[in-house]
Protein backbone atom coordinates (compact mmCIF):
# COMPACT_ATOMS: atom_id res chain seq x y z
CA MET A 1 0.00 0.00 0.00
CA SER A 2 1.54 3.30 -1.09
CA LEU A 3 0.77 6.11 1.32
CA ARG A 4 3.04 9.14 1.39
CA THR A 5 2.75 12.37 3.33
CA SER A 6 2.61 15.27 0.89
CA ARG A 7 5.42 17.77 0.57
CA ALA A 8 3.29 20.58 2.03
CA SER A 9 2.82 19.89 5.73
CA VAL A 10 0.55 21.39 8.35
CA ALA A 11 3.56 23.16 9.83
CA GLY A 12 3.44 25.54 6.89
CA GLY A 13 0.01 26.85 7.87
CA PRO A 14 -0.53 30.31 9.31
CA PRO A 15 0.11 30.64 13.07
CA SER A 16 -3.52 31.60 13.74
CA TRP A 17 -4.67 28.21 12.42
CA ARG A 18 -2.02 26.30 14.38
CA GLN A 19 -2.87 28.05 17.63
CA ARG A 20 -6.55 27.16 17.26
CA GLN A 21 -5.88 23.52 16.50
CA SER A 22 -7.09 21.54 19.54
CA ARG A 23 -8.04 18.24 17.88
CA PRO A 24 -5.83 15.80 15.99
CA VAL A 25 -4.81 17.24 12.64
CA PRO A 26 -7.38 16.23 9.97
CA THR A 27 -6.09 14.33 6.96
CA VAL A 28 -7.19 14.55 3.33
CA ALA A 29 -6.22 11.65 1.05
CA LEU A 30 -5.07 12.63 -2.45
CA VAL A 31 -6.02 9.53 -4.40
CA GLY A 32 -4.63 8.93 -7.88
CA LEU A 33 -3.79 12.58 -8.56
CA ASP A 34 -0.81 13.51 -10.71
CA ASN A 35 2.19 15.33 -9.23
CA TRP A 36 0.91 18.80 -10.17
CA MET A 37 -2.56 18.27 -8.70
CA SER A 38 -1.13 16.75 -5.54
CA GLU A 39 1.25 19.66 -5.04
CA VAL A 40 -1.46 22.27 -5.59
CA MET A 41 -3.95 20.53 -3.30
CA SER A 42 -1.45 19.87 -0.52
CA THR A 43 -0.33 23.51 -0.53
CA ALA A 44 -3.94 24.73 -0.40
CA PHE A 45 -4.89 22.48 2.52
CA ALA A 46 -1.71 23.38 4.42
CA GLU A 47 -3.01 26.97 4.49
CA CYS A 48 -5.91 25.65 6.58
CA ALA A 49 -3.77 23.47 8.87
CA VAL A 50 -4.95 20.29 7.16
CA LYS A 51 -2.54 17.44 6.40
CA THR A 52 -2.57 15.57 3.08
CA VAL A 53 -1.28 12.14 2.07
CA GLU A 54 -0.78 10.88 -1.46
CA ILE A 55 -2.24 7.42 -2.12
CA ASN A 56 -1.78 5.61 -5.41
CA ASP A 57 -2.95 2.09 -4.56
CA ASP A 58 -6.26 0.55 -3.51
CA PHE A 59 -7.87 3.32 -1.48
CA ALA A 60 -11.21 1.45 -1.46
CA ARG A 61 -9.56 -1.22 0.69
CA LEU A 62 -7.70 1.29 2.84
CA VAL A 63 -10.84 3.15 4.00
CA ALA A 64 -12.04 -0.04 5.66
CA ARG A 65 -9.09 0.17 8.08
CA GLU A 66 -8.10 3.82 8.42
CA LYS A 67 -9.99 7.05 9.02
CA PHE A 68 -9.67 10.17 6.88
CA GLU A 69 -11.50 13.47 7.09
CA GLY A 70 -11.39 14.12 3.33
CA CYS A 71 -10.52 12.65 -0.04
CA ALA A 72 -9.70 14.20 -3.43
CA LEU A 73 -9.90 11.95 -6.46
CA PRO A 74 -10.43 12.11 -10.25
CA LEU A 75 -14.04 11.52 -11.29
CA ASN A 76 -13.29 8.78 -13.80
CA ASP A 77 -14.38 5.18 -14.33
CA ARG A 78 -12.53 4.09 -11.17
CA ALA A 79 -14.27 6.64 -8.96
CA PRO A 80 -17.61 4.85 -8.31
CA SER A 81 -16.00 1.85 -6.58
CA ILE A 82 -13.91 4.17 -4.38
CA LEU A 83 -16.86 6.40 -3.56
CA LYS A 84 -19.03 3.40 -2.72
CA ALA A 85 -16.37 2.12 -0.32
CA ILE A 86 -16.14 5.56 1.32
CA ARG A 87 -19.85 6.00 1.85
CA SER A 88 -20.30 2.43 3.14
CA SER A 89 -17.40 2.69 5.62
CA PRO A 90 -18.66 3.21 9.20
CA SER A 91 -15.72 5.50 10.05
CA ASN A 92 -15.52 7.34 6.71
CA SER A 93 -19.11 7.67 5.52
CA ARG A 94 -19.19 11.40 6.35
CA MET A 95 -15.86 12.11 4.69
CA ILE A 96 -15.62 15.36 2.68
CA VAL A 97 -15.15 14.33 -0.95
CA TYR A 98 -13.48 16.55 -3.56
CA GLY A 99 -13.97 15.41 -7.15
CA VAL A 100 -11.60 16.45 -9.94
CA GLY A 101 -13.04 16.51 -13.45
CA SER A 102 -13.44 18.48 -16.65
CA GLU A 103 -15.49 21.67 -16.68
CA ASP A 104 -18.33 20.02 -18.63
CA LEU A 105 -18.39 16.90 -16.45
CA ASP A 106 -21.80 15.24 -16.04
CA VAL A 107 -22.13 14.88 -12.27
CA ARG A 108 -25.23 12.66 -12.43
CA PRO A 109 -23.35 9.32 -12.31
CA PHE A 110 -21.76 10.46 -9.05
CA ALA A 111 -24.76 12.24 -7.49
CA SER A 112 -25.71 9.41 -5.14
CA TYR A 113 -22.29 9.49 -3.48
CA GLY A 114 -22.54 13.05 -2.18
CA ILE A 115 -19.59 14.81 -3.81
CA ASN A 116 -18.96 17.93 -1.74
CA ALA A 117 -16.96 19.96 -4.26
CA VAL A 118 -15.84 19.59 -7.88
CA LEU A 119 -12.52 21.03 -9.03
CA ASP A 120 -11.56 21.57 -12.65
CA LEU A 121 -9.21 19.04 -14.20
CA PHE A 122 -6.82 21.88 -15.09
CA LEU A 123 -6.42 22.85 -11.46
CA ASP A 124 -5.03 26.25 -10.50
CA ARG A 125 -3.81 27.37 -7.11
CA THR A 126 -6.45 30.04 -6.57
CA ALA A 127 -9.35 27.65 -7.15
CA ALA A 128 -7.78 24.97 -4.95
CA LEU A 129 -7.21 27.43 -2.10
CA ARG A 130 -10.75 28.82 -2.40
CA THR A 131 -12.19 25.30 -2.18
CA ALA A 132 -9.99 24.35 0.76
CA ARG A 133 -10.98 27.48 2.69
CA SER A 134 -14.69 26.97 1.96
CA THR A 135 -14.64 23.49 3.48
CA CYS A 136 -12.00 23.80 6.22
CA ALA A 137 -14.62 24.27 8.96
CA LEU A 138 -16.01 20.84 8.11
CA LEU A 139 -12.57 19.24 8.02
CA LEU A 140 -11.64 20.83 11.34
CA GLN A 141 -15.05 19.80 12.76
CA GLU A 142 -16.00 23.35 13.72
CA LEU A 143 -19.53 22.52 12.67
CA ARG A 144 -21.38 24.90 14.96
CA ARG A 145 -19.96 27.72 12.86
CA TYR A 146 -20.82 26.01 9.58
CA VAL A 147 -24.47 26.23 8.57
CA ARG A 148 -24.17 25.31 4.88
CA ILE A 149 -22.90 21.99 3.55
CA PRO A 150 -21.06 22.01 0.21
CA LEU A 151 -22.66 19.35 -1.99
CA VAL A 152 -22.71 18.66 -5.73
CA THR A 153 -25.76 16.64 -6.73
CA ASP A 154 -28.09 16.58 -9.72
CA VAL A 155 -31.14 18.87 -9.30
CA SER A 156 -34.28 19.19 -11.42
CA VAL A 157 -35.86 22.66 -11.31
CA GLU A 158 -39.51 22.49 -12.39
CA THR A 159 -41.68 25.52 -13.15
CA ALA A 160 -45.19 25.66 -14.57
CA GLU A 161 -43.79 25.94 -18.11
CA LYS A 162 -40.57 23.91 -18.16
CA GLN A 163 -38.06 21.73 -16.42
CA LEU A 164 -34.36 22.57 -16.13
CA ARG A 165 -31.44 20.49 -14.92
CA GLY A 166 -28.68 21.82 -12.73
CA SER A 167 -26.28 20.80 -9.98
CA SER A 168 -26.26 21.97 -6.39
CA ARG A 169 -23.37 23.83 -4.82
CA GLU A 170 -24.45 24.17 -1.17
CA ILE A 171 -27.39 23.01 0.92
CA SER A 172 -28.76 23.93 4.33
CA GLY A 173 -31.90 23.13 6.25
CA GLY A 174 -33.52 26.20 4.73
CA GLY A 175 -32.50 26.07 1.08
CA MET A 176 -29.86 25.39 -1.53
CA SER A 177 -27.84 27.06 -4.27
CA VAL A 178 -27.94 25.51 -7.74
CA HIS A 179 -25.82 26.00 -10.84
CA VAL A 180 -28.10 26.18 -13.89
CA ALA A 181 -26.63 26.67 -17.36
CA ALA A 182 -29.81 28.27 -18.71
CA MET A 183 -30.61 31.11 -16.32
CA VAL A 184 -34.17 31.60 -17.53
CA ILE A 185 -36.52 31.20 -14.57
CA GLU A 186 -39.23 33.81 -14.55
CA GLN A 187 -41.33 32.32 -11.76
CA SER A 188 -40.46 32.78 -8.11
CA LYS A 189 -42.02 29.45 -7.06
CA VAL A 190 -40.53 26.16 -8.29
CA ARG A 191 -40.33 22.49 -7.37
CA LEU A 192 -36.88 21.03 -6.80
CA THR A 193 -36.16 17.31 -7.17
CA PHE A 194 -32.89 15.80 -5.98
CA THR A 195 -31.37 13.08 -3.82
CA LEU A 196 -29.04 13.15 -0.86
CA PRO A 197 -26.83 10.16 -0.02
CA GLY A 198 -28.92 7.54 1.75
CA THR A 199 -32.28 9.29 1.24
CA PRO A 200 -35.18 8.61 -1.12
CA LEU A 201 -35.93 11.05 -3.94
CA ILE A 202 -36.75 14.46 -2.49
CA ARG A 203 -39.33 16.74 -4.10
CA ILE A 204 -39.68 20.08 -2.36
CA LEU A 205 -41.34 23.42 -3.08
CA ALA A 206 -39.00 26.40 -3.07
CA ALA A 207 -38.81 30.08 -3.93
CA VAL A 208 -36.07 31.90 -5.82
CA CYS A 209 -34.32 34.24 -3.37
CA TRP A 210 -31.25 35.36 -5.36
CA LYS A 211 -29.47 35.00 -8.70
CA GLN A 212 -25.79 35.51 -9.45
CA ASP A 213 -24.10 34.59 -12.70
CA SER A 214 -25.08 30.96 -13.35
CA GLN A 215 -26.18 30.24 -9.79
CA ILE A 216 -29.63 30.53 -8.23
CA GLY A 217 -30.43 30.51 -4.54
CA PHE A 218 -33.64 28.73 -3.48
CA GLN A 219 -35.42 28.91 -0.15
CA PHE A 220 -37.40 25.81 0.81
CA GLU A 221 -41.10 26.16 1.59
CA ASP A 222 -41.45 26.16 5.38
CA LEU A 223 -44.47 23.85 5.46
CA ASP A 224 -43.17 21.31 2.92
CA ALA A 225 -42.73 17.97 4.70
CA SER A 226 -39.63 17.15 2.64
CA ARG A 227 -37.74 19.91 4.40
CA GLU A 228 -37.57 17.65 7.46
CA ILE A 229 -35.74 15.01 5.38
CA VAL A 230 -33.14 17.60 4.38
CA LYS A 231 -32.70 18.80 7.97
CA ASN A 232 -32.33 15.24 9.25
CA TRP A 233 -29.71 14.46 6.60
CA ILE A 234 -27.69 17.56 7.51
CA GLU A 235 -27.84 16.61 11.19
CA TRP A 236 -26.58 13.13 10.27
CA PHE A 237 -23.82 14.51 8.07
CA CYS A 238 -22.65 16.88 10.79
CA ALA A 239 -22.67 14.18 13.48
CA PHE A 240 -18.88 13.69 13.47
CA ASN A 241 -17.31 11.78 16.30
CA ARG A 242 -16.07 14.47 18.65
């Protein structure tokens, strides 16, 4: 089994992060990434006082024995077996998963595994650092400060006239943000259909609350019973061993 600590270590993180660190240092596995991607990712996570290890062998077998707080892997034909092993592992099922793929990647084949963030195949340092910072609270288990969960899953947006497909970016108990290529939604009320890992298909009424570039923010209808499913899933996801 090949497991190597990345060149960028947690000691390179800013002093403010190191002083706050009271738990064991979280570890993100860099699985099957090339040298450039591994170097960029390890440097980005070091800024948040998160350790990385490079793994080039059978990670699906490794997660049955060892615990990791995160994993970054290419979204290719090998990914489903690894993701299935992660989500079925008692100690790693809530792991933060970073997928690496092309800009036009179809996320639907991976939606059931709960990918938390997708990075472009041609990774740059700024994007990697932005992603690491946006998820560091989860990795460091500072969940009381973190009210939104990053999640990339397939979403159907249905209005009275049409149905659009998009992919989520973040979800909370009150709503979600969705990337939609065709930003043509005139109505304020829509029905969203999506799945969360381990849940049945969710259909929930929502209202458009903001639009920015290709993203739309939706607020769930307060009285919709499906909102309770979302809230329960978020509580489960945030129930890290403390």
